[in-house]
Each structure stands twice: as C-alpha cells, then as structure tokens.
Amino acid sequence: MMARIKAFVDKYVERFMSRKLLVWVATTVLLVVDKLDGEQWVAIALIYIGTQGAADIATAWKSGQLLKKD
C-alpha cells in the first residue's frame, strides 16, 4: 500500500519540482510556523545549495563542459 502511494506521489512531484526543492519548501514552511529555528533552516538551505551545485558539476563533467577551455 505504501509503495503505491509513494509511487503516485513521486510521479506527480517529479513533474512539478525536484525532491530537494520540496524539502526546502517544507522547511521554509516549518520555519514560518515556528517549528524550526533559523539555524536549522540555514543548515538545510546550505545542504540544498551544496547538493544542487554538486549535481550541476557532475552534469558538466559528464558532458565534457567542465574541462573545455575557450
């Protein structure tokens, strides 16, 4: 049952936003409703930025754009 629900949610969430962005939005909501403090939110934001940067670097490296010099 949970696998079917997860598959359904994943299918539609991937259409609209990445999971990392979903985590960031959720933590922002938790910050607004005072369930997280600012320090926790900053830590999560830095993790989000870092993982997105690593993904961009990996994509550039795989496509050969990282080593290309103009």
PDB file of N, CA and C in Angstrom:
ATOM      1  N   MET A   1       0.825  -1.199   0.000  1.00  0.00           N
ATOM      2  CA  MET A   1       0.000   0.000   0.000  1.00  0.00           C
ATOM      3  C   MET A   1       0.864   1.254   0.000  1.00  0.00           C
ATOM      4  N   MET A   2       1.870   1.311   0.902  1.00  0.00           N
ATOM      5  CA  MET A   2       2.746   2.487   0.974  1.00  0.00           C
ATOM      6  C   MET A   2       3.559   2.648  -0.307  1.00  0.00           C
ATOM      7  N   ALA A   3       3.946   1.540  -0.928  1.00  0.00           N
ATOM      8  CA  ALA A   3       4.717   1.616  -2.173  1.00  0.00           C
ATOM      9  C   ALA A   3       3.884   2.243  -3.283  1.00  0.00           C
ATOM     10  N   ARG A   4       2.603   1.916  -3.328  1.00  0.00           N
ATOM     11  CA  ARG A   4       1.719   2.506  -4.346  1.00  0.00           C
ATOM     12  C   ARG A   4       1.535   3.992  -4.109  1.00  0.00           C
ATOM     13  N   ILE A   5       1.373   4.378  -2.852  1.00  0.00           N
ATOM     14  CA  ILE A   5       1.213   5.802  -2.513  1.00  0.00           C
ATOM     15  C   ILE A   5       2.490   6.560  -2.860  1.00  0.00           C
ATOM     16  N   LYS A   6       3.644   5.985  -2.486  1.00  0.00           N
ATOM     17  CA  LYS A   6       4.923   6.628  -2.770  1.00  0.00           C
ATOM     18  C   LYS A   6       5.121   6.780  -4.276  1.00  0.00           C
ATOM     19  N   ALA A   7       4.798   5.753  -5.048  1.00  0.00           N
ATOM     20  CA  ALA A   7       4.938   5.817  -6.499  1.00  0.00           C
ATOM     21  C   ALA A   7       4.043   6.912  -7.086  1.00  0.00           C
ATOM     22  N   PHE A   8       2.826   7.010  -6.596  1.00  0.00           N
ATOM     23  CA  PHE A   8       1.897   8.037  -7.069  1.00  0.00           C
ATOM     24  C   PHE A   8       2.424   9.439  -6.757  1.00  0.00           C
ATOM     25  N   VAL A   9       2.860   9.642  -5.512  1.00  0.00           N
ATOM     26  CA  VAL A   9       3.374  10.951  -5.106  1.00  0.00           C
ATOM     27  C   VAL A   9       4.634  11.286  -5.897  1.00  0.00           C
ATOM     28  N   ASP A  10       5.543  10.331  -6.032  1.00  0.00           N
ATOM     29  CA  ASP A  10       6.780  10.570  -6.778  1.00  0.00           C
ATOM     30  C   ASP A  10       6.492  10.963  -8.222  1.00  0.00           C
ATOM     31  N   LYS A  11       5.549  10.292  -8.835  1.00  0.00           N
ATOM     32  CA  LYS A  11       5.212  10.579 -10.227  1.00  0.00           C
ATOM     33  C   LYS A  11       4.780  12.029 -10.409  1.00  0.00           C
ATOM     34  N   TYR A  12       3.942  12.512  -9.511  1.00  0.00           N
ATOM     35  CA  TYR A  12       3.420  13.858  -9.664  1.00  0.00           C
ATOM     36  C   TYR A  12       4.334  14.932  -9.092  1.00  0.00           C
ATOM     37  N   VAL A  13       5.088  14.598  -8.068  1.00  0.00           N
ATOM     38  CA  VAL A  13       6.030  15.568  -7.506  1.00  0.00           C
ATOM     39  C   VAL A  13       7.148  15.844  -8.508  1.00  0.00           C
ATOM     40  N   GLU A  14       7.632  14.810  -9.195  1.00  0.00           N
ATOM     41  CA  GLU A  14       8.703  14.984 -10.165  1.00  0.00           C
ATOM     42  C   GLU A  14       8.273  15.862 -11.323  1.00  0.00           C
ATOM     43  N   ARG A  15       7.000  15.900 -11.611  1.00  0.00           N
ATOM     44  CA  ARG A  15       6.521  16.761 -12.685  1.00  0.00           C
ATOM     45  C   ARG A  15       6.615  18.238 -12.312  1.00  0.00           C
ATOM     46  N   PHE A  16       6.448  18.559 -11.066  1.00  0.00           N
ATOM     47  CA  PHE A  16       6.358  19.946 -10.658  1.00  0.00           C
ATOM     48  C   PHE A  16       7.625  20.481 -10.009  1.00  0.00           C
ATOM     49  N   MET A  17       8.363  19.645  -9.301  1.00  0.00           N
ATOM     50  CA  MET A  17       9.563  20.149  -8.626  1.00  0.00           C
ATOM     51  C   MET A  17      10.434  18.981  -8.194  1.00  0.00           C
ATOM     52  N   SER A  18      11.678  19.294  -7.977  1.00  0.00           N
ATOM     53  CA  SER A  18      12.577  18.254  -7.509  1.00  0.00           C
ATOM     54  C   SER A  18      12.312  17.957  -6.039  1.00  0.00           C
ATOM     55  N   ARG A  19      12.764  16.827  -5.606  1.00  0.00           N
ATOM     56  CA  ARG A  19      12.581  16.467  -4.201  1.00  0.00           C
ATOM     57  C   ARG A  19      13.363  17.397  -3.286  1.00  0.00           C
ATOM     58  N   LYS A  20      14.548  17.828  -3.732  1.00  0.00           N
ATOM     59  CA  LYS A  20      15.344  18.750  -2.910  1.00  0.00           C
ATOM     60  C   LYS A  20      14.591  20.056  -2.710  1.00  0.00           C
ATOM     61  N   LEU A  21      13.980  20.552  -3.767  1.00  0.00           N
ATOM     62  CA  LEU A  21      13.216  21.790  -3.647  1.00  0.00           C
ATOM     63  C   LEU A  21      12.000  21.575  -2.745  1.00  0.00           C
ATOM     64  N   LEU A  22      11.392  20.428  -2.832  1.00  0.00           N
ATOM     65  CA  LEU A  22      10.256  20.124  -1.964  1.00  0.00           C
ATOM     66  C   LEU A  22      10.679  20.141  -0.495  1.00  0.00           C
ATOM     67  N   VAL A  23      11.850  19.586  -0.201  1.00  0.00           N
ATOM     68  CA  VAL A  23      12.363  19.611   1.173  1.00  0.00           C
ATOM     69  C   VAL A  23      12.610  21.050   1.606  1.00  0.00           C
ATOM     70  N   TRP A  24      13.187  21.866   0.722  1.00  0.00           N
ATOM     71  CA  TRP A  24      13.461  23.258   1.050  1.00  0.00           C
ATOM     72  C   TRP A  24      12.156  24.019   1.321  1.00  0.00           C
ATOM     73  N   VAL A  25      11.152  23.813   0.492  1.00  0.00           N
ATOM     74  CA  VAL A  25       9.862  24.483   0.691  1.00  0.00           C
ATOM     75  C   VAL A  25       9.233  24.032   2.013  1.00  0.00           C
ATOM     76  N   ALA A  26       9.304  22.738   2.283  1.00  0.00           N
ATOM     77  CA  ALA A  26       8.725  22.224   3.533  1.00  0.00           C
ATOM     78  C   ALA A  26       9.428  22.821   4.748  1.00  0.00           C
ATOM     79  N   THR A  27      10.753  22.925   4.695  1.00  0.00           N
ATOM     80  CA  THR A  27      11.468  23.503   5.836  1.00  0.00           C
ATOM     81  C   THR A  27      11.179  24.985   5.980  1.00  0.00           C
ATOM     82  N   THR A  28      10.961  25.668   4.877  1.00  0.00           N
ATOM     83  CA  THR A  28      10.597  27.086   4.949  1.00  0.00           C
ATOM     84  C   THR A  28       9.239  27.243   5.620  1.00  0.00           C
ATOM     85  N   VAL A  29       8.319  26.381   5.285  1.00  0.00           N
ATOM     86  CA  VAL A  29       7.003  26.405   5.939  1.00  0.00           C
ATOM     87  C   VAL A  29       7.162  26.129   7.436  1.00  0.00           C
ATOM     88  N   LEU A  30       7.998  25.150   7.774  1.00  0.00           N
ATOM     89  CA  LEU A  30       8.226  24.853   9.193  1.00  0.00           C
ATOM     90  C   LEU A  30       8.865  26.033   9.915  1.00  0.00           C
ATOM     91  N   LEU A  31       9.720  26.771   9.224  1.00  0.00           N
ATOM     92  CA  LEU A  31      10.314  27.972   9.825  1.00  0.00           C
ATOM     93  C   LEU A  31       9.240  29.024  10.081  1.00  0.00           C
ATOM     94  N   VAL A  32       8.369  29.210   9.112  1.00  0.00           N
ATOM     95  CA  VAL A  32       7.317  30.219   9.239  1.00  0.00           C
ATOM     96  C   VAL A  32       6.367  29.884  10.387  1.00  0.00           C
ATOM     97  N   VAL A  33       6.040  28.617  10.554  1.00  0.00           N
ATOM     98  CA  VAL A  33       5.119  28.240  11.624  1.00  0.00           C
ATOM     99  C   VAL A  33       5.853  27.961  12.932  1.00  0.00           C
ATOM    100  N   ASP A  34       7.118  28.323  12.977  1.00  0.00           N
ATOM    101  CA  ASP A  34       7.939  28.277  14.192  1.00  0.00           C
ATOM    102  C   ASP A  34       8.178  26.860  14.725  1.00  0.00           C
ATOM    103  N   LYS A  35       8.367  25.922  13.798  1.00  0.00           N
ATOM    104  CA  LYS A  35       8.730  24.557  14.188  1.00  0.00           C
ATOM    105  C   LYS A  35      10.229  24.310  14.008  1.00  0.00           C
ATOM    106  N   LEU A  36      10.908  25.193  13.275  1.00  0.00           N
ATOM    107  CA  LEU A  36      12.358  25.175  13.108  1.00  0.00           C
ATOM    108  C   LEU A  36      12.894  26.533  13.497  1.00  0.00           C
ATOM    109  N   ASP A  37      14.140  26.553  13.964  1.00  0.00           N
ATOM    110  CA  ASP A  37      14.748  27.863  14.202  1.00  0.00           C
ATOM    111  C   ASP A  37      15.597  28.238  12.983  1.00  0.00           C
ATOM    112  N   GLY A  38      16.075  29.443  12.962  1.00  0.00           N
ATOM    113  CA  GLY A  38      16.828  29.963  11.833  1.00  0.00           C
ATOM    114  C   GLY A  38      18.088  29.171  11.535  1.00  0.00           C
ATOM    115  N   GLU A  39      18.759  28.709  12.582  1.00  0.00           N
ATOM    116  CA  GLU A  39      20.000  27.946  12.396  1.00  0.00           C
ATOM    117  C   GLU A  39      19.730  26.620  11.679  1.00  0.00           C
ATOM    118  N   GLN A  40      18.658  25.949  12.041  1.00  0.00           N
ATOM    119  CA  GLN A  40      18.303  24.695  11.378  1.00  0.00           C
ATOM    120  C   GLN A  40      17.933  24.940   9.922  1.00  0.00           C
ATOM    121  N   TRP A  41      17.204  26.034   9.665  1.00  0.00           N
ATOM    122  CA  TRP A  41      16.810  26.356   8.297  1.00  0.00           C
ATOM    123  C   TRP A  41      18.039  26.646   7.440  1.00  0.00           C
ATOM    124  N   VAL A  42      19.000  27.396   7.984  1.00  0.00           N
ATOM    125  CA  VAL A  42      20.223  27.704   7.240  1.00  0.00           C
ATOM    126  C   VAL A  42      20.978  26.420   6.914  1.00  0.00           C
ATOM    127  N   ALA A  43      21.068  25.494   7.852  1.00  0.00           N
ATOM    128  CA  ALA A  43      21.758  24.224   7.604  1.00  0.00           C
ATOM    129  C   ALA A  43      21.099  23.463   6.457  1.00  0.00           C
ATOM    130  N   ILE A  44      19.789  23.412   6.457  1.00  0.00           N
ATOM    131  CA  ILE A  44      19.074  22.714   5.390  1.00  0.00           C
ATOM    132  C   ILE A  44      19.242  23.441   4.060  1.00  0.00           C
ATOM    133  N   ALA A  45      19.201  24.768   4.071  1.00  0.00           N
ATOM    134  CA  ALA A  45      19.396  25.538   2.843  1.00  0.00           C
ATOM    135  C   ALA A  45      20.791  25.308   2.273  1.00  0.00           C
ATOM    136  N   LEU A  46      21.808  25.265   3.134  1.00  0.00           N
ATOM    137  CA  LEU A  46      23.171  25.013   2.666  1.00  0.00           C
ATOM    138  C   LEU A  46      23.305  23.615   2.075  1.00  0.00           C
ATOM    139  N   ILE A  47      22.661  22.649   2.685  1.00  0.00           N
ATOM    140  CA  ILE A  47      22.674  21.295   2.132  1.00  0.00           C
ATOM    141  C   ILE A  47      22.010  21.285   0.758  1.00  0.00           C
ATOM    142  N   TYR A  48      20.887  21.978   0.630  1.00  0.00           N
ATOM    143  CA  TYR A  48      20.184  22.058  -0.657  1.00  0.00           C
ATOM    144  C   TYR A  48      21.072  22.687  -1.717  1.00  0.00           C
ATOM    145  N   ILE A  49      21.699  23.809  -1.393  1.00  0.00           N
ATOM    146  CA  ILE A  49      22.565  24.502  -2.351  1.00  0.00           C
ATOM    147  C   ILE A  49      23.766  23.626  -2.718  1.00  0.00           C
ATOM    148  N   GLY A  50      24.348  22.975  -1.715  1.00  0.00           N
ATOM    149  CA  GLY A  50      25.509  22.122  -1.962  1.00  0.00           C
ATOM    150  C   GLY A  50      25.198  20.937  -2.847  1.00  0.00           C
ATOM    151  N   THR A  51      24.077  20.279  -2.600  1.00  0.00           N
ATOM    152  CA  THR A  51      23.740  19.122  -3.427  1.00  0.00           C
ATOM    153  C   THR A  51      23.376  19.540  -4.840  1.00  0.00           C
ATOM    154  N   GLN A  52      22.737  20.686  -4.987  1.00  0.00           N
ATOM    155  CA  GLN A  52      22.403  21.167  -6.324  1.00  0.00           C
ATOM    156  C   GLN A  52      23.673  21.536  -7.081  1.00  0.00           C
ATOM    157  N   GLY A  53      24.625  22.166  -6.388  1.00  0.00           N
ATOM    158  CA  GLY A  53      25.901  22.503  -7.011  1.00  0.00           C
ATOM    159  C   GLY A  53      26.674  21.264  -7.420  1.00  0.00           C
ATOM    160  N   ALA A  54      26.677  20.260  -6.572  1.00  0.00           N
ATOM    161  CA  ALA A  54      27.367  19.008  -6.902  1.00  0.00           C
ATOM    162  C   ALA A  54      26.720  18.338  -8.110  1.00  0.00           C
ATOM    163  N   ALA A  55      25.413  18.379  -8.186  1.00  0.00           N
ATOM    164  CA  ALA A  55      24.717  17.795  -9.336  1.00  0.00           C
ATOM    165  C   ALA A  55      25.055  18.549 -10.614  1.00  0.00           C
ATOM    166  N   ASP A  56      25.134  19.870 -10.543  1.00  0.00           N
ATOM    167  CA  ASP A  56      25.497  20.670 -11.715  1.00  0.00           C
ATOM    168  C   ASP A  56      26.920  20.376 -12.171  1.00  0.00           C
ATOM    169  N   ILE A  57      27.847  20.246 -11.212  1.00  0.00           N
ATOM    170  CA  ILE A  57      29.237  19.935 -11.543  1.00  0.00           C
ATOM    171  C   ILE A  57      29.325  18.554 -12.190  1.00  0.00           C
ATOM    172  N   ALA A  58      28.620  17.580 -11.642  1.00  0.00           N
ATOM    173  CA  ALA A  58      28.641  16.226 -12.208  1.00  0.00           C
ATOM    174  C   ALA A  58      28.089  16.213 -13.630  1.00  0.00           C
ATOM    175  N   THR A  59      27.034  16.969 -13.865  1.00  0.00           N
ATOM    176  CA  THR A  59      26.458  17.042 -15.207  1.00  0.00           C
ATOM    177  C   THR A  59      27.435  17.678 -16.183  1.00  0.00           C
ATOM    178  N   ALA A  60      28.081  18.762 -15.769  1.00  0.00           N
ATOM    179  CA  ALA A  60      29.061  19.424 -16.630  1.00  0.00           C
ATOM    180  C   ALA A  60      30.250  18.519 -16.902  1.00  0.00           C
ATOM    181  N   TRP A  61      30.693  17.794 -15.895  1.00  0.00           N
ATOM    182  CA  TRP A  61      31.832  16.897 -16.061  1.00  0.00           C
ATOM    183  C   TRP A  61      31.490  15.765 -17.023  1.00  0.00           C
ATOM    184  N   LYS A  62      30.308  15.197 -16.872  1.00  0.00           N
ATOM    185  CA  LYS A  62      29.901  14.088 -17.710  1.00  0.00           C
ATOM    186  C   LYS A  62      29.749  14.518 -19.170  1.00  0.00           C
ATOM    187  N   SER A  63      29.276  15.727 -19.389  1.00  0.00           N
ATOM    188  CA  SER A  63      29.081  16.212 -20.757  1.00  0.00           C
ATOM    189  C   SER A  63      30.357  16.787 -21.363  1.00  0.00           C
ATOM    190  N   GLY A  64      31.432  16.870 -20.588  1.00  0.00           N
ATOM    191  CA  GLY A  64      32.704  17.374 -21.096  1.00  0.00           C
ATOM    192  C   GLY A  64      32.840  18.876 -21.018  1.00  0.00           C
ATOM    193  N   GLN A  65      31.853  19.565 -20.491  1.00  0.00           N
ATOM    194  CA  GLN A  65      31.901  21.024 -20.407  1.00  0.00           C
ATOM    195  C   GLN A  65      32.818  21.525 -19.307  1.00  0.00           C
ATOM    196  N   LEU A  66      33.107  20.689 -18.315  1.00  0.00           N
ATOM    197  CA  LEU A  66      33.921  21.108 -17.178  1.00  0.00           C
ATOM    198  C   LEU A  66      35.367  21.350 -17.576  1.00  0.00           C
ATOM    199  N   LEU A  67      35.887  20.548 -18.482  1.00  0.00           N
ATOM    200  CA  LEU A  67      37.295  20.639 -18.861  1.00  0.00           C
ATOM    201  C   LEU A  67      37.523  21.457 -20.120  1.00  0.00           C
ATOM    202  N   LYS A  68      36.467  21.875 -20.765  1.00  0.00           N
ATOM    203  CA  LYS A  68      36.577  22.631 -22.024  1.00  0.00           C
ATOM    204  C   LYS A  68      37.087  24.035 -21.736  1.00  0.00           C
ATOM    205  N   LYS A  69      38.120  24.434 -22.460  1.00  0.00           N
ATOM    206  CA  LYS A  69      38.667  25.792 -22.315  1.00  0.00           C
ATOM    207  C   LYS A  69      38.415  26.570 -23.599  1.00  0.00           C
ATOM    208  N   ASP A  70      37.984  27.795 -23.441  1.00  0.00           N
ATOM    209  CA  ASP A  70      37.696  28.645 -24.613  1.00  0.00           C
ATOM    210  C   ASP A  70      38.890  29.457 -25.023  1.00  0.00           C
TER     211      ASP A  70
END
